[in-house]
Each structure stands twice: as C-alpha cells, then as structure tokens.
Amino acid sequence: MKGTLRLSLHREMWGFTLIELVVAIGIVGAVVTAASLAVVTLLRLTPPTRDYMVAYQQVQNAGYWLLKDINMSYNVTVGDGNPTLLILKQRHDPTTEVIVIYECRASNGSYKLVRIEDDAETVVAEHIKQIPPCNPDTRAITVTLTAKVGKEEVTTTYKAVPRLPAEEE
C-alpha cells in the first residue's frame, strides 16, 4: 500500500488526553470551591462573635498600655477610679520626668479608659463595663478590666510591678 498514510504513535510521543484534562480541571475546581467556602465561612462573623471580639480587643489593648506604663514607672499613685485610676511617674532619662495619668470617663452607659501624657489624650479602651480601683499589694499593681459589647463580656486581670525608684536600684 504505497499511497496510504499511516499514523502511528511512537513511544517518544507523550501528552494528556482530553479525558485526563477534564478530570484534572474538575478536581481543581472542587478543591478551589471548598477552600473559598471555608474562607467565606470564616469571614462571616455572627453578631455575638463580633461583639466578643470587640470586647476582647478592648480589654487586651487596655492591658497592653497599663502593663507597659506601670512597668516603666518608678512611682505609682492609685486613684479611686472616679475619674483618676492611676498616676504614674516615669523617668526616661535622668533629667526628664514624665507623668502618665489614666482616667475613667463615662460614655454611653459604659466607660472609656483614657491615657493622658503631656496634655495629649489617647482613648486606650472603650466599652469598659467596670474598672474597680487598682489593688496595690506590696509592690505589684493588680487591675481587673471588664468590657461588655452587646451581650458579650470579657474580664481579664493584669498584674504589673513598677520599677524601683532610682535610689533603690
């Protein structure tokens, strides 16, 4: 058969068949769909979860600033929480004294915790349900903060030790 063309596959020829490609695209599509559904579920927060996260963040932020400032202070005066909670004296170098004041201010049925340094006010936390007076035991200062957003409530207790005054170091 001299004039006929015969196609034959050689071992050197390779590639994917159409069936293999369709199956692979289907598997990848299923994996991407499952992953995107998981991400959407994680991003969609219910109102109670959102309220809890806001309350938790407020308590954590207040704790961060309180611990940092108390640990840097050489003199701590505890107020009654109405409005002054703490007066902290800090010395960043031998010639400069910094006074940091924490106050509780009423705001829409809850309190704001405000940090005042050099006449600059910063709201450290909002939605604070209660801030009982600090409890100075020996050298440590204990502060318990409760934040309430919606029906969700978060309470955390922080304990910090001020640095020793210069004459005691």
Protein backbone atom coordinates (compact mmCIF):
# COMPACT_ATOMS: atom_id res chain seq x y z
CA MET A 1 0.00 0.00 0.00
CA LYS A 2 2.13 2.57 -1.33
CA GLY A 3 -0.02 5.69 -1.33
CA THR A 4 -1.66 5.43 2.06
CA LEU A 5 -0.57 7.38 5.07
CA ARG A 6 -0.48 5.50 8.22
CA LEU A 7 -0.45 7.31 11.57
CA SER A 8 1.16 5.55 14.40
CA LEU A 9 2.06 6.63 17.88
CA HIS A 10 5.63 6.24 18.81
CA ARG A 11 6.90 5.81 22.30
CA GLU A 12 8.57 9.21 22.12
CA MET A 13 5.23 10.99 21.76
CA TRP A 14 3.53 11.99 25.00
CA GLY A 15 0.80 14.29 26.32
CA PHE A 16 -2.53 14.29 28.12
CA THR A 17 -5.72 13.07 26.64
CA LEU A 18 -8.84 15.20 26.71
CA ILE A 19 -10.39 12.96 29.35
CA GLU A 20 -7.41 13.38 31.66
CA LEU A 21 -7.53 17.16 31.30
CA VAL A 22 -11.28 17.33 32.04
CA VAL A 23 -10.86 15.18 35.16
CA ALA A 24 -7.93 17.29 36.41
CA ILE A 25 -9.86 20.56 35.87
CA GLY A 26 -12.83 19.09 37.73
CA ILE A 27 -10.68 18.09 40.73
CA VAL A 28 -9.00 21.52 40.88
CA GLY A 29 -12.43 23.21 40.64
CA ALA A 30 -13.76 21.14 43.56
CA VAL A 31 -10.74 21.99 45.74
CA VAL A 32 -11.00 25.73 44.96
CA THR A 33 -14.74 25.71 45.70
CA ALA A 34 -14.22 24.00 49.06
CA ALA A 35 -11.43 26.42 50.01
CA SER A 36 -13.45 29.51 49.06
CA LEU A 37 -16.47 28.28 51.07
CA ALA A 38 -14.22 27.81 54.10
CA VAL A 39 -12.82 31.34 53.77
CA VAL A 40 -16.29 32.87 53.38
CA THR A 41 -17.48 31.00 56.49
CA LEU A 42 -14.52 32.28 58.49
CA LEU A 43 -15.02 35.87 57.34
CA ARG A 44 -18.72 35.96 58.05
CA LEU A 45 -18.91 36.60 61.80
CA THR A 46 -22.14 36.36 63.70
CA PRO A 47 -23.06 39.39 65.84
CA PRO A 48 -22.25 37.62 69.16
CA THR A 49 -18.84 36.61 67.83
CA ARG A 50 -18.18 40.13 66.57
CA ASP A 51 -19.22 41.59 69.95
CA TYR A 52 -16.93 39.18 71.79
CA MET A 53 -14.00 40.05 69.52
CA VAL A 54 -14.51 43.80 70.09
CA ALA A 55 -14.75 43.36 73.87
CA TYR A 56 -11.68 41.11 73.89
CA GLN A 57 -9.68 43.60 71.81
CA GLN A 58 -10.62 46.48 74.13
CA VAL A 59 -9.52 44.62 77.25
CA GLN A 60 -6.29 43.46 75.58
CA ASN A 61 -5.43 46.96 74.36
CA ALA A 62 -6.03 48.46 77.80
CA GLY A 63 -3.93 45.72 79.39
CA TYR A 64 -1.06 46.34 76.98
CA TRP A 65 -0.87 50.05 77.77
CA LEU A 66 -1.38 49.63 81.52
CA LEU A 67 1.31 46.95 81.82
CA LYS A 68 3.77 48.93 79.70
CA ASP A 69 3.26 52.14 81.64
CA ILE A 70 3.23 50.56 85.11
CA ASN A 71 6.41 48.59 84.35
CA MET A 72 8.15 51.82 83.24
CA SER A 73 7.03 53.80 86.31
CA TYR A 74 9.08 54.40 89.43
CA ASN A 75 6.18 55.93 91.38
CA VAL A 76 2.55 54.81 91.19
CA THR A 77 -0.34 56.61 92.87
CA VAL A 78 -3.61 54.71 92.88
CA GLY A 79 -6.77 56.76 92.45
CA ASP A 80 -10.33 55.78 93.24
CA GLY A 81 -11.32 55.38 89.59
CA ASN A 82 -13.60 58.42 89.67
CA PRO A 83 -12.19 59.65 87.30
CA THR A 84 -8.47 59.12 88.09
CA LEU A 85 -7.43 55.48 88.10
CA LEU A 86 -3.64 55.79 88.19
CA ILE A 87 -0.97 58.48 88.25
CA LEU A 88 2.34 57.11 87.03
CA LYS A 89 5.69 58.88 87.22
CA GLN A 90 8.28 57.74 84.72
CA ARG A 91 11.84 58.80 84.10
CA HIS A 92 13.10 58.14 80.58
CA ASP A 93 16.47 59.72 81.34
CA PRO A 94 17.94 61.32 84.50
CA THR A 95 16.69 64.80 83.63
CA THR A 96 13.21 64.15 82.20
CA GLU A 97 10.23 63.12 84.29
CA VAL A 98 7.04 62.08 82.51
CA ILE A 99 3.68 61.84 84.24
CA VAL A 100 1.08 59.49 82.77
CA ILE A 101 -2.48 59.63 84.09
CA TYR A 102 -5.19 57.06 83.47
CA GLU A 103 -8.79 58.22 83.84
CA CYS A 104 -12.19 56.53 83.55
CA ARG A 105 -14.77 58.60 81.71
CA ALA A 106 -18.45 57.78 81.35
CA SER A 107 -19.54 57.15 77.77
CA ASN A 108 -22.94 55.81 76.62
CA GLY A 109 -23.60 53.60 79.62
CA SER A 110 -20.04 52.31 79.89
CA TYR A 111 -16.62 53.82 80.42
CA LYS A 112 -13.66 54.87 78.34
CA LEU A 113 -10.16 54.36 79.67
CA VAL A 114 -8.16 57.47 78.73
CA ARG A 115 -4.37 57.80 78.89
CA ILE A 116 -3.04 61.33 79.37
CA GLU A 117 0.63 62.16 78.78
CA ASP A 118 1.94 65.71 78.24
CA ASP A 119 -1.61 67.04 77.72
CA ALA A 120 -2.14 64.51 74.91
CA GLU A 121 -5.16 62.27 75.49
CA THR A 122 -5.48 58.81 73.99
CA VAL A 123 -8.53 56.59 74.36
CA VAL A 124 -7.00 53.25 75.28
CA ALA A 125 -10.25 51.29 75.54
CA GLU A 126 -13.98 51.78 75.17
CA HIS A 127 -16.96 49.65 76.24
CA ILE A 128 -15.40 49.12 79.67
CA LYS A 129 -18.17 47.92 81.96
CA GLN A 130 -16.35 48.43 85.21
CA ILE A 131 -12.91 49.30 86.45
CA PRO A 132 -12.64 48.61 90.15
CA PRO A 133 -9.96 50.54 91.98
CA CYS A 134 -6.49 49.12 91.49
CA ASN A 135 -5.25 46.84 94.21
CA PRO A 136 -1.67 47.59 95.24
CA ASP A 137 -0.34 44.54 97.06
CA THR A 138 3.23 45.02 98.24
CA ARG A 139 4.88 46.28 95.04
CA ALA A 140 2.58 44.83 92.39
CA ILE A 141 -0.43 46.65 90.97
CA THR A 142 -3.44 44.49 90.08
CA VAL A 143 -6.06 45.83 87.66
CA THR A 144 -9.19 43.91 86.63
CA LEU A 145 -10.90 45.12 83.46
CA THR A 146 -14.31 44.06 82.18
CA ALA A 147 -15.52 45.07 78.72
CA LYS A 148 -19.07 44.46 77.56
CA VAL A 149 -20.27 44.80 73.98
CA GLY A 150 -23.84 43.72 73.29
CA LYS A 151 -24.39 40.64 75.44
CA GLU A 152 -20.76 39.52 75.31
CA GLU A 153 -18.49 40.24 78.25
CA VAL A 154 -14.74 39.74 78.71
CA THR A 155 -12.91 40.09 82.04
CA THR A 156 -9.15 39.98 82.45
CA THR A 157 -6.89 40.67 85.42
CA TYR A 158 -3.47 42.21 84.92
CA LYS A 159 -0.68 42.39 87.45
CA ALA A 160 2.35 44.61 86.93
CA VAL A 161 5.34 45.61 89.03
CA PRO A 162 6.72 49.16 88.75
CA ARG A 163 10.47 49.61 88.51
CA LEU A 164 12.36 50.55 91.64
CA PRO A 165 12.98 54.24 92.30
CA ALA A 166 16.47 55.44 91.36
CA GLU A 167 17.69 55.48 94.98
CA GLU A 168 16.63 51.83 95.47
CA GLU A 169 18.14 50.44 92.26
